Amino acid sequence: MRGGGGRPWRRLRQVGHATLAVRDLGRARDLYARVANLVPTCEEPGRVLLRSQFEHH
């Protein structure tokens, strides 16, 4: 797989924190749960917190 500029993507090892703005929160939550294997930890109106299934501490 190639990234921007024709360079190969690097293998992602760990993400500490990411904030994403999406149009359809429900679809985004389902996508990241299915594709990235993230699980919801908190859901509030207009906001969902997801985490991996691996503890980092």
PDB file of N, CA and C in Angstrom:
ATOM      1  N   MET A   1       0.844  -1.171   0.000  1.00  0.00           N
ATOM      2  CA  MET A   1       0.000   0.000   0.000  1.00  0.00           C
ATOM      3  C   MET A   1       0.893   1.240   0.000  1.00  0.00           C
ATOM      4  N   ARG A   2       0.488   2.242  -0.718  1.00  0.00           N
ATOM      5  CA  ARG A   2       1.284   3.459  -0.838  1.00  0.00           C
ATOM      6  C   ARG A   2       0.600   4.626  -0.149  1.00  0.00           C
ATOM      7  N   GLY A   3       1.393   5.469   0.495  1.00  0.00           N
ATOM      8  CA  GLY A   3       0.880   6.672   1.119  1.00  0.00           C
ATOM      9  C   GLY A   3       1.012   7.853   0.177  1.00  0.00           C
ATOM     10  N   GLY A   4       0.845   9.053   0.700  1.00  0.00           N
ATOM     11  CA  GLY A   4       0.971  10.252  -0.108  1.00  0.00           C
ATOM     12  C   GLY A   4       2.376  10.389  -0.667  1.00  0.00           C
ATOM     13  N   GLY A   5       2.497  10.885  -1.880  1.00  0.00           N
ATOM     14  CA  GLY A   5       3.799  11.061  -2.498  1.00  0.00           C
ATOM     15  C   GLY A   5       4.411   9.779  -3.017  1.00  0.00           C
ATOM     16  N   GLY A   6       3.647   8.687  -3.091  1.00  0.00           N
ATOM     17  CA  GLY A   6       4.159   7.438  -3.615  1.00  0.00           C
ATOM     18  C   GLY A   6       5.039   6.657  -2.663  1.00  0.00           C
ATOM     19  N   ARG A   7       5.170   7.126  -1.440  1.00  0.00           N
ATOM     20  CA  ARG A   7       5.989   6.407  -0.452  1.00  0.00           C
ATOM     21  C   ARG A   7       5.182   5.296   0.202  1.00  0.00           C
ATOM     22  N   PRO A   8       5.809   4.184   0.561  1.00  0.00           N
ATOM     23  CA  PRO A   8       5.075   3.103   1.230  1.00  0.00           C
ATOM     24  C   PRO A   8       4.604   3.546   2.618  1.00  0.00           C
ATOM     25  N   TRP A   9       3.440   3.049   3.018  1.00  0.00           N
ATOM     26  CA  TRP A   9       2.922   3.319   4.362  1.00  0.00           C
ATOM     27  C   TRP A   9       3.812   2.610   5.375  1.00  0.00           C
ATOM     28  N   ARG A  10       3.969   3.202   6.503  1.00  0.00           N
ATOM     29  CA  ARG A  10       4.678   2.534   7.598  1.00  0.00           C
ATOM     30  C   ARG A  10       3.679   1.727   8.405  1.00  0.00           C
ATOM     31  N   ARG A  11       4.150   0.655   8.965  1.00  0.00           N
ATOM     32  CA  ARG A  11       3.287  -0.177   9.800  1.00  0.00           C
ATOM     33  C   ARG A  11       2.992   0.569  11.101  1.00  0.00           C
ATOM     34  N   LEU A  12       1.720   0.715  11.417  1.00  0.00           N
ATOM     35  CA  LEU A  12       1.297   1.404  12.623  1.00  0.00           C
ATOM     36  C   LEU A  12       1.477   0.478  13.813  1.00  0.00           C
ATOM     37  N   ARG A  13       2.214   0.923  14.804  1.00  0.00           N
ATOM     38  CA  ARG A  13       2.463   0.092  15.993  1.00  0.00           C
ATOM     39  C   ARG A  13       1.581   0.469  17.162  1.00  0.00           C
ATOM     40  N   GLN A  14       1.392   1.769  17.367  1.00  0.00           N
ATOM     41  CA  GLN A  14       0.635   2.206  18.534  1.00  0.00           C
ATOM     42  C   GLN A  14       0.087   3.604  18.308  1.00  0.00           C
ATOM     43  N   VAL A  15      -1.143   3.829  18.727  1.00  0.00           N
ATOM     44  CA  VAL A  15      -1.753   5.154  18.688  1.00  0.00           C
ATOM     45  C   VAL A  15      -2.080   5.530  20.119  1.00  0.00           C
ATOM     46  N   GLY A  16      -1.582   6.671  20.547  1.00  0.00           N
ATOM     47  CA  GLY A  16      -1.857   7.104  21.914  1.00  0.00           C
ATOM     48  C   GLY A  16      -3.206   7.792  22.031  1.00  0.00           C
ATOM     49  N   HIS A  17      -3.528   8.660  21.065  1.00  0.00           N
ATOM     50  CA  HIS A  17      -4.760   9.436  21.141  1.00  0.00           C
ATOM     51  C   HIS A  17      -5.033  10.005  19.756  1.00  0.00           C
ATOM     52  N   ALA A  18      -6.259   9.998  19.355  1.00  0.00           N
ATOM     53  CA  ALA A  18      -6.642  10.605  18.084  1.00  0.00           C
ATOM     54  C   ALA A  18      -8.036  11.200  18.222  1.00  0.00           C
ATOM     55  N   THR A  19      -8.247  12.361  17.649  1.00  0.00           N
ATOM     56  CA  THR A  19      -9.557  13.004  17.621  1.00  0.00           C
ATOM     57  C   THR A  19      -9.976  13.130  16.166  1.00  0.00           C
ATOM     58  N   LEU A  20     -11.146  12.606  15.848  1.00  0.00           N
ATOM     59  CA  LEU A  20     -11.645  12.638  14.484  1.00  0.00           C
ATOM     60  C   LEU A  20     -13.004  13.324  14.454  1.00  0.00           C
ATOM     61  N   ALA A  21     -13.229  14.172  13.479  1.00  0.00           N
ATOM     62  CA  ALA A  21     -14.540  14.788  13.250  1.00  0.00           C
ATOM     63  C   ALA A  21     -15.193  14.048  12.089  1.00  0.00           C
ATOM     64  N   VAL A  22     -16.369  13.504  12.310  1.00  0.00           N
ATOM     65  CA  VAL A  22     -17.060  12.727  11.285  1.00  0.00           C
ATOM     66  C   VAL A  22     -18.489  13.233  11.132  1.00  0.00           C
ATOM     67  N   ARG A  23     -19.074  12.963   9.993  1.00  0.00           N
ATOM     68  CA  ARG A  23     -20.464  13.387   9.738  1.00  0.00           C
ATOM     69  C   ARG A  23     -21.478  12.438  10.362  1.00  0.00           C
ATOM     70  N   ASP A  24     -21.172  11.141  10.332  1.00  0.00           N
ATOM     71  CA  ASP A  24     -22.101  10.141  10.851  1.00  0.00           C
ATOM     72  C   ASP A  24     -21.389   9.350  11.943  1.00  0.00           C
ATOM     73  N   LEU A  25     -21.633   9.725  13.178  1.00  0.00           N
ATOM     74  CA  LEU A  25     -20.929   9.143  14.319  1.00  0.00           C
ATOM     75  C   LEU A  25     -21.205   7.646  14.461  1.00  0.00           C
ATOM     76  N   GLY A  26     -22.433   7.243  14.255  1.00  0.00           N
ATOM     77  CA  GLY A  26     -22.780   5.826  14.375  1.00  0.00           C
ATOM     78  C   GLY A  26     -22.055   4.962  13.356  1.00  0.00           C
ATOM     79  N   ARG A  27     -22.010   5.427  12.121  1.00  0.00           N
ATOM     80  CA  ARG A  27     -21.301   4.675  11.074  1.00  0.00           C
ATOM     81  C   ARG A  27     -19.804   4.632  11.350  1.00  0.00           C
ATOM     82  N   ALA A  28     -19.246   5.741  11.811  1.00  0.00           N
ATOM     83  CA  ALA A  28     -17.809   5.785  12.113  1.00  0.00           C
ATOM     84  C   ALA A  28     -17.482   4.839  13.265  1.00  0.00           C
ATOM     85  N   ARG A  29     -18.311   4.852  14.298  1.00  0.00           N
ATOM     86  CA  ARG A  29     -18.103   3.944  15.437  1.00  0.00           C
ATOM     87  C   ARG A  29     -18.130   2.497  14.968  1.00  0.00           C
ATOM     88  N   ASP A  30     -19.105   2.144  14.153  1.00  0.00           N
ATOM     89  CA  ASP A  30     -19.211   0.771  13.653  1.00  0.00           C
ATOM     90  C   ASP A  30     -18.014   0.408  12.778  1.00  0.00           C
ATOM     91  N   LEU A  31     -17.575   1.337  11.938  1.00  0.00           N
ATOM     92  CA  LEU A  31     -16.428   1.082  11.064  1.00  0.00           C
ATOM     93  C   LEU A  31     -15.168   0.810  11.880  1.00  0.00           C
ATOM     94  N   TYR A  32     -14.857   1.677  12.840  1.00  0.00           N
ATOM     95  CA  TYR A  32     -13.637   1.492  13.625  1.00  0.00           C
ATOM     96  C   TYR A  32     -13.718   0.263  14.521  1.00  0.00           C
ATOM     97  N   ALA A  33     -14.900  -0.092  14.963  1.00  0.00           N
ATOM     98  CA  ALA A  33     -15.059  -1.322  15.738  1.00  0.00           C
ATOM     99  C   ALA A  33     -14.787  -2.539  14.864  1.00  0.00           C
ATOM    100  N   ARG A  34     -15.277  -2.512  13.638  1.00  0.00           N
ATOM    101  CA  ARG A  34     -15.132  -3.655  12.737  1.00  0.00           C
ATOM    102  C   ARG A  34     -13.738  -3.739  12.124  1.00  0.00           C
ATOM    103  N   VAL A  35     -13.216  -2.624  11.625  1.00  0.00           N
ATOM    104  CA  VAL A  35     -11.955  -2.628  10.884  1.00  0.00           C
ATOM    105  C   VAL A  35     -10.736  -2.561  11.801  1.00  0.00           C
ATOM    106  N   ALA A  36     -10.779  -1.701  12.803  1.00  0.00           N
ATOM    107  CA  ALA A  36      -9.619  -1.512  13.680  1.00  0.00           C
ATOM    108  C   ALA A  36      -9.755  -2.265  15.000  1.00  0.00           C
ATOM    109  N   ASN A  37     -10.868  -2.975  15.188  1.00  0.00           N
ATOM    110  CA  ASN A  37     -11.091  -3.771  16.393  1.00  0.00           C
ATOM    111  C   ASN A  37     -11.093  -2.918  17.663  1.00  0.00           C
ATOM    112  N   LEU A  38     -11.628  -1.687  17.549  1.00  0.00           N
ATOM    113  CA  LEU A  38     -11.733  -0.802  18.710  1.00  0.00           C
ATOM    114  C   LEU A  38     -13.078  -1.025  19.388  1.00  0.00           C
ATOM    115  N   VAL A  39     -13.115  -0.826  20.701  1.00  0.00           N
ATOM    116  CA  VAL A  39     -14.349  -1.015  21.453  1.00  0.00           C
ATOM    117  C   VAL A  39     -14.748   0.310  22.116  1.00  0.00           C
ATOM    118  N   PRO A  40     -16.049   0.622  22.116  1.00  0.00           N
ATOM    119  CA  PRO A  40     -16.501   1.858  22.764  1.00  0.00           C
ATOM    120  C   PRO A  40     -16.332   1.762  24.283  1.00  0.00           C
ATOM    121  N   THR A  41     -15.813   2.811  24.882  1.00  0.00           N
ATOM    122  CA  THR A  41     -15.684   2.859  26.337  1.00  0.00           C
ATOM    123  C   THR A  41     -16.617   3.891  26.948  1.00  0.00           C
ATOM    124  N   CYS A  42     -17.025   4.886  26.157  1.00  0.00           N
ATOM    125  CA  CYS A  42     -17.924   5.928  26.635  1.00  0.00           C
ATOM    126  C   CYS A  42     -18.670   6.505  25.440  1.00  0.00           C
ATOM    127  N   GLU A  43     -19.975   6.657  25.582  1.00  0.00           N
ATOM    128  CA  GLU A  43     -20.770   7.271  24.520  1.00  0.00           C
ATOM    129  C   GLU A  43     -21.614   8.376  25.122  1.00  0.00           C
ATOM    130  N   GLU A  44     -21.511   9.562  24.542  1.00  0.00           N
ATOM    131  CA  GLU A  44     -22.275  10.739  24.932  1.00  0.00           C
ATOM    132  C   GLU A  44     -22.847  11.345  23.658  1.00  0.00           C
ATOM    133  N   PRO A  45     -23.825  12.221  23.747  1.00  0.00           N
ATOM    134  CA  PRO A  45     -24.343  12.853  22.532  1.00  0.00           C
ATOM    135  C   PRO A  45     -23.219  13.554  21.756  1.00  0.00           C
ATOM    136  N   GLY A  46     -23.016  13.139  20.522  1.00  0.00           N
ATOM    137  CA  GLY A  46     -22.010  13.748  19.667  1.00  0.00           C
ATOM    138  C   GLY A  46     -20.583  13.323  19.927  1.00  0.00           C
ATOM    139  N   ARG A  47     -20.379  12.293  20.742  1.00  0.00           N
ATOM    140  CA  ARG A  47     -19.023  11.887  21.107  1.00  0.00           C
ATOM    141  C   ARG A  47     -18.970  10.410  21.476  1.00  0.00           C
ATOM    142  N   VAL A  48     -17.968   9.714  20.972  1.00  0.00           N
ATOM    143  CA  VAL A  48     -17.728   8.313  21.327  1.00  0.00           C
ATOM    144  C   VAL A  48     -16.243   8.148  21.599  1.00  0.00           C
ATOM    145  N   LEU A  49     -15.904   7.521  22.700  1.00  0.00           N
ATOM    146  CA  LEU A  49     -14.518   7.212  23.011  1.00  0.00           C
ATOM    147  C   LEU A  49     -14.301   5.729  22.735  1.00  0.00           C
ATOM    148  N   LEU A  50     -13.263   5.437  21.961  1.00  0.00           N
ATOM    149  CA  LEU A  50     -12.945   4.059  21.595  1.00  0.00           C
ATOM    150  C   LEU A  50     -11.551   3.717  22.096  1.00  0.00           C
ATOM    151  N   ARG A  51     -11.329   2.456  22.374  1.00  0.00           N
ATOM    152  CA  ARG A  51      -9.999   2.011  22.785  1.00  0.00           C
ATOM    153  C   ARG A  51      -9.714   0.654  22.167  1.00  0.00           C
ATOM    154  N   SER A  52      -8.429   0.325  22.146  1.00  0.00           N
ATOM    155  CA  SER A  52      -8.073  -1.013  21.680  1.00  0.00           C
ATOM    156  C   SER A  52      -8.376  -1.995  22.803  1.00  0.00           C
ATOM    157  N   GLN A  53      -8.302  -3.244  22.494  1.00  0.00           N
ATOM    158  CA  GLN A  53      -8.575  -4.267  23.504  1.00  0.00           C
ATOM    159  C   GLN A  53      -7.327  -4.627  24.302  1.00  0.00           C
ATOM    160  N   PHE A  54      -6.255  -3.890  24.067  1.00  0.00           N
ATOM    161  CA  PHE A  54      -5.007  -4.142  24.764  1.00  0.00           C
ATOM    162  C   PHE A  54      -4.747  -3.032  25.767  1.00  0.00           C
ATOM    163  N   GLU A  55      -4.392  -3.395  26.975  1.00  0.00           N
ATOM    164  CA  GLU A  55      -4.059  -2.396  27.987  1.00  0.00           C
ATOM    165  C   GLU A  55      -2.634  -1.924  27.768  1.00  0.00           C
ATOM    166  N   HIS A  56      -2.381  -0.644  27.934  1.00  0.00           N
ATOM    167  CA  HIS A  56      -1.047  -0.106  27.707  1.00  0.00           C
ATOM    168  C   HIS A  56      -0.285   0.174  28.990  1.00  0.00           C
ATOM    169  N   HIS A  57      -0.904  -0.057  30.139  1.00  0.00           N
ATOM    170  CA  HIS A  57      -0.209   0.199  31.423  1.00  0.00           C
ATOM    171  C   HIS A  57       0.272  -1.094  32.018  1.00  0.00           C
TER     172      HIS A  57
END
